[in-house]
Amino acid sequence: MTLVNLADVLLTAFGGAQNVDRLRYCASRIRVSLKEDGRLNRDGIAGLEGIKALLEVPDTQGGVEYQLVVGPGNARPLYQALSESAGRDY
């Protein structure tokens, strides 16, 4: 699966690009905050090539930050593909 395909599948699993409130990355993870958590399709993410885990971490404002564990060196290219597929910079 190419990064563009993976980004498209992930955006759909997030409930669409319009449901992504915040998207960031660090060394090995993509960090996502959603507008409506109920629209997240966890099954649509489980088992995707390149995604090692989906973590739910409480954020400082009482919500949840979803972290896609992708491994070192993979987060930035996937973040860029997600931004391009969504048609916006996060």
C-alpha atoms as a PDB file:
ATOM      1  CA  MET A   1       0.000   0.000   0.000  1.00  0.00           C
ATOM      2  CA  THR A   2       1.401   3.400  -0.914  1.00  0.00           C
ATOM      3  CA  LEU A   3       1.484   6.294   1.537  1.00  0.00           C
ATOM      4  CA  VAL A   4      -1.216   8.067  -0.457  1.00  0.00           C
ATOM      5  CA  ASN A   5      -3.485   5.007  -0.260  1.00  0.00           C
ATOM      6  CA  LEU A   6      -2.752   4.608   3.455  1.00  0.00           C
ATOM      7  CA  ALA A   7      -3.525   8.281   4.054  1.00  0.00           C
ATOM      8  CA  ASP A   8      -6.853   7.977   2.219  1.00  0.00           C
ATOM      9  CA  VAL A   9      -7.841   4.875   4.202  1.00  0.00           C
ATOM     10  CA  LEU A  10      -6.852   6.551   7.480  1.00  0.00           C
ATOM     11  CA  LEU A  11      -8.795   9.727   6.722  1.00  0.00           C
ATOM     12  CA  THR A  12     -11.869   7.626   6.013  1.00  0.00           C
ATOM     13  CA  ALA A  13     -11.332   5.729   9.290  1.00  0.00           C
ATOM     14  CA  PHE A  14     -11.033   9.065  11.114  1.00  0.00           C
ATOM     15  CA  GLY A  15     -14.539   9.930   9.934  1.00  0.00           C
ATOM     16  CA  GLY A  16     -13.335  12.029   7.012  1.00  0.00           C
ATOM     17  CA  ALA A  17     -10.853  14.858   6.725  1.00  0.00           C
ATOM     18  CA  GLN A  18     -13.461  17.290   8.058  1.00  0.00           C
ATOM     19  CA  ASN A  19     -13.568  15.324  11.337  1.00  0.00           C
ATOM     20  CA  VAL A  20      -9.839  15.789  11.996  1.00  0.00           C
ATOM     21  CA  ASP A  21      -9.398  18.699  14.378  1.00  0.00           C
ATOM     22  CA  ARG A  22      -5.660  18.450  14.918  1.00  0.00           C
ATOM     23  CA  LEU A  23      -2.924  16.353  13.350  1.00  0.00           C
ATOM     24  CA  ARG A  24       0.696  16.290  14.511  1.00  0.00           C
ATOM     25  CA  TYR A  25       3.614  13.924  14.393  1.00  0.00           C
ATOM     26  CA  CYS A  26       6.658  13.050  16.473  1.00  0.00           C
ATOM     27  CA  ALA A  27       9.520  10.642  15.899  1.00  0.00           C
ATOM     28  CA  SER A  28       7.397   7.504  15.660  1.00  0.00           C
ATOM     29  CA  ARG A  29       3.717   8.491  15.945  1.00  0.00           C
ATOM     30  CA  ILE A  30       0.933  10.380  14.254  1.00  0.00           C
ATOM     31  CA  ARG A  31      -1.146  12.222  16.873  1.00  0.00           C
ATOM     32  CA  VAL A  32      -4.766  12.919  15.983  1.00  0.00           C
ATOM     33  CA  SER A  33      -7.542  14.844  17.730  1.00  0.00           C
ATOM     34  CA  LEU A  34     -11.014  14.396  16.294  1.00  0.00           C
ATOM     35  CA  LYS A  35     -14.025  16.674  16.415  1.00  0.00           C
ATOM     36  CA  GLU A  36     -16.361  13.698  16.942  1.00  0.00           C
ATOM     37  CA  ASP A  37     -14.690  10.665  18.520  1.00  0.00           C
ATOM     38  CA  GLY A  38     -17.726   8.498  17.745  1.00  0.00           C
ATOM     39  CA  ARG A  39     -16.956   8.686  14.025  1.00  0.00           C
ATOM     40  CA  LEU A  40     -13.616   6.879  14.459  1.00  0.00           C
ATOM     41  CA  ASN A  41     -13.605   3.448  12.803  1.00  0.00           C
ATOM     42  CA  ARG A  42     -11.071   1.499  14.887  1.00  0.00           C
ATOM     43  CA  ASP A  43     -11.660  -1.649  12.813  1.00  0.00           C
ATOM     44  CA  GLY A  44     -10.757   0.333   9.699  1.00  0.00           C
ATOM     45  CA  ILE A  45      -7.325   1.017  11.212  1.00  0.00           C
ATOM     46  CA  ALA A  46      -6.641  -2.360  12.819  1.00  0.00           C
ATOM     47  CA  GLY A  47      -4.300  -4.464  10.757  1.00  0.00           C
ATOM     48  CA  LEU A  48      -3.335  -1.767   8.273  1.00  0.00           C
ATOM     49  CA  GLU A  49       0.129  -2.244   6.853  1.00  0.00           C
ATOM     50  CA  GLY A  50       2.477   0.238   8.493  1.00  0.00           C
ATOM     51  CA  ILE A  51       0.290   0.879  11.552  1.00  0.00           C
ATOM     52  CA  LYS A  52       1.702  -0.947  14.572  1.00  0.00           C
ATOM     53  CA  ALA A  53      -0.881   0.219  17.112  1.00  0.00           C
ATOM     54  CA  LEU A  54      -3.660   2.710  17.779  1.00  0.00           C
ATOM     55  CA  LEU A  55      -3.443   4.224  21.260  1.00  0.00           C
ATOM     56  CA  GLU A  56      -6.004   6.403  23.032  1.00  0.00           C
ATOM     57  CA  VAL A  57      -4.319   8.896  25.347  1.00  0.00           C
ATOM     58  CA  PRO A  58      -6.205  11.426  27.509  1.00  0.00           C
ATOM     59  CA  ASP A  59      -5.333  14.985  26.526  1.00  0.00           C
ATOM     60  CA  THR A  60      -4.984  17.983  28.820  1.00  0.00           C
ATOM     61  CA  GLN A  61      -8.480  19.271  27.986  1.00  0.00           C
ATOM     62  CA  GLY A  62     -10.408  16.173  29.017  1.00  0.00           C
ATOM     63  CA  GLY A  63     -10.603  14.674  25.544  1.00  0.00           C
ATOM     64  CA  VAL A  64      -8.724  11.928  23.784  1.00  0.00           C
ATOM     65  CA  GLU A  65      -5.716  12.073  21.513  1.00  0.00           C
ATOM     66  CA  TYR A  66      -5.357   9.090  19.191  1.00  0.00           C
ATOM     67  CA  GLN A  67      -1.799   8.023  18.470  1.00  0.00           C
ATOM     68  CA  LEU A  68      -0.932   5.879  15.490  1.00  0.00           C
ATOM     69  CA  VAL A  69       2.336   4.097  16.193  1.00  0.00           C
ATOM     70  CA  VAL A  70       4.165   3.875  12.863  1.00  0.00           C
ATOM     71  CA  GLY A  71       7.805   3.527  13.914  1.00  0.00           C
ATOM     72  CA  PRO A  72      10.859   5.774  13.631  1.00  0.00           C
ATOM     73  CA  GLY A  73      11.256   7.585  10.331  1.00  0.00           C
ATOM     74  CA  ASN A  74       7.718   6.845   9.157  1.00  0.00           C
ATOM     75  CA  ALA A  75       5.695   9.516  10.934  1.00  0.00           C
ATOM     76  CA  ARG A  76       6.717  12.580   8.941  1.00  0.00           C
ATOM     77  CA  PRO A  77       6.111  11.064   5.474  1.00  0.00           C
ATOM     78  CA  LEU A  78       2.715   9.747   6.593  1.00  0.00           C
ATOM     79  CA  TYR A  79       1.829  13.114   8.132  1.00  0.00           C
ATOM     80  CA  GLN A  80       2.687  14.793   4.818  1.00  0.00           C
ATOM     81  CA  ALA A  81       0.575  12.276   2.883  1.00  0.00           C
ATOM     82  CA  LEU A  82      -2.352  12.821   5.275  1.00  0.00           C
ATOM     83  CA  SER A  83      -2.087  16.601   4.882  1.00  0.00           C
ATOM     84  CA  GLU A  84      -1.952  16.317   1.089  1.00  0.00           C
ATOM     85  CA  SER A  85      -4.880  13.889   0.944  1.00  0.00           C
ATOM     86  CA  ALA A  86      -6.926  16.129   3.245  1.00  0.00           C
ATOM     87  CA  GLY A  87      -6.014  19.165   1.177  1.00  0.00           C
ATOM     88  CA  ARG A  88      -4.889  21.189   4.189  1.00  0.00           C
ATOM     89  CA  ASP A  89      -2.015  21.833   6.546  1.00  0.00           C
ATOM     90  CA  TYR A  90      -2.640  20.915  10.141  1.00  0.00           C
END
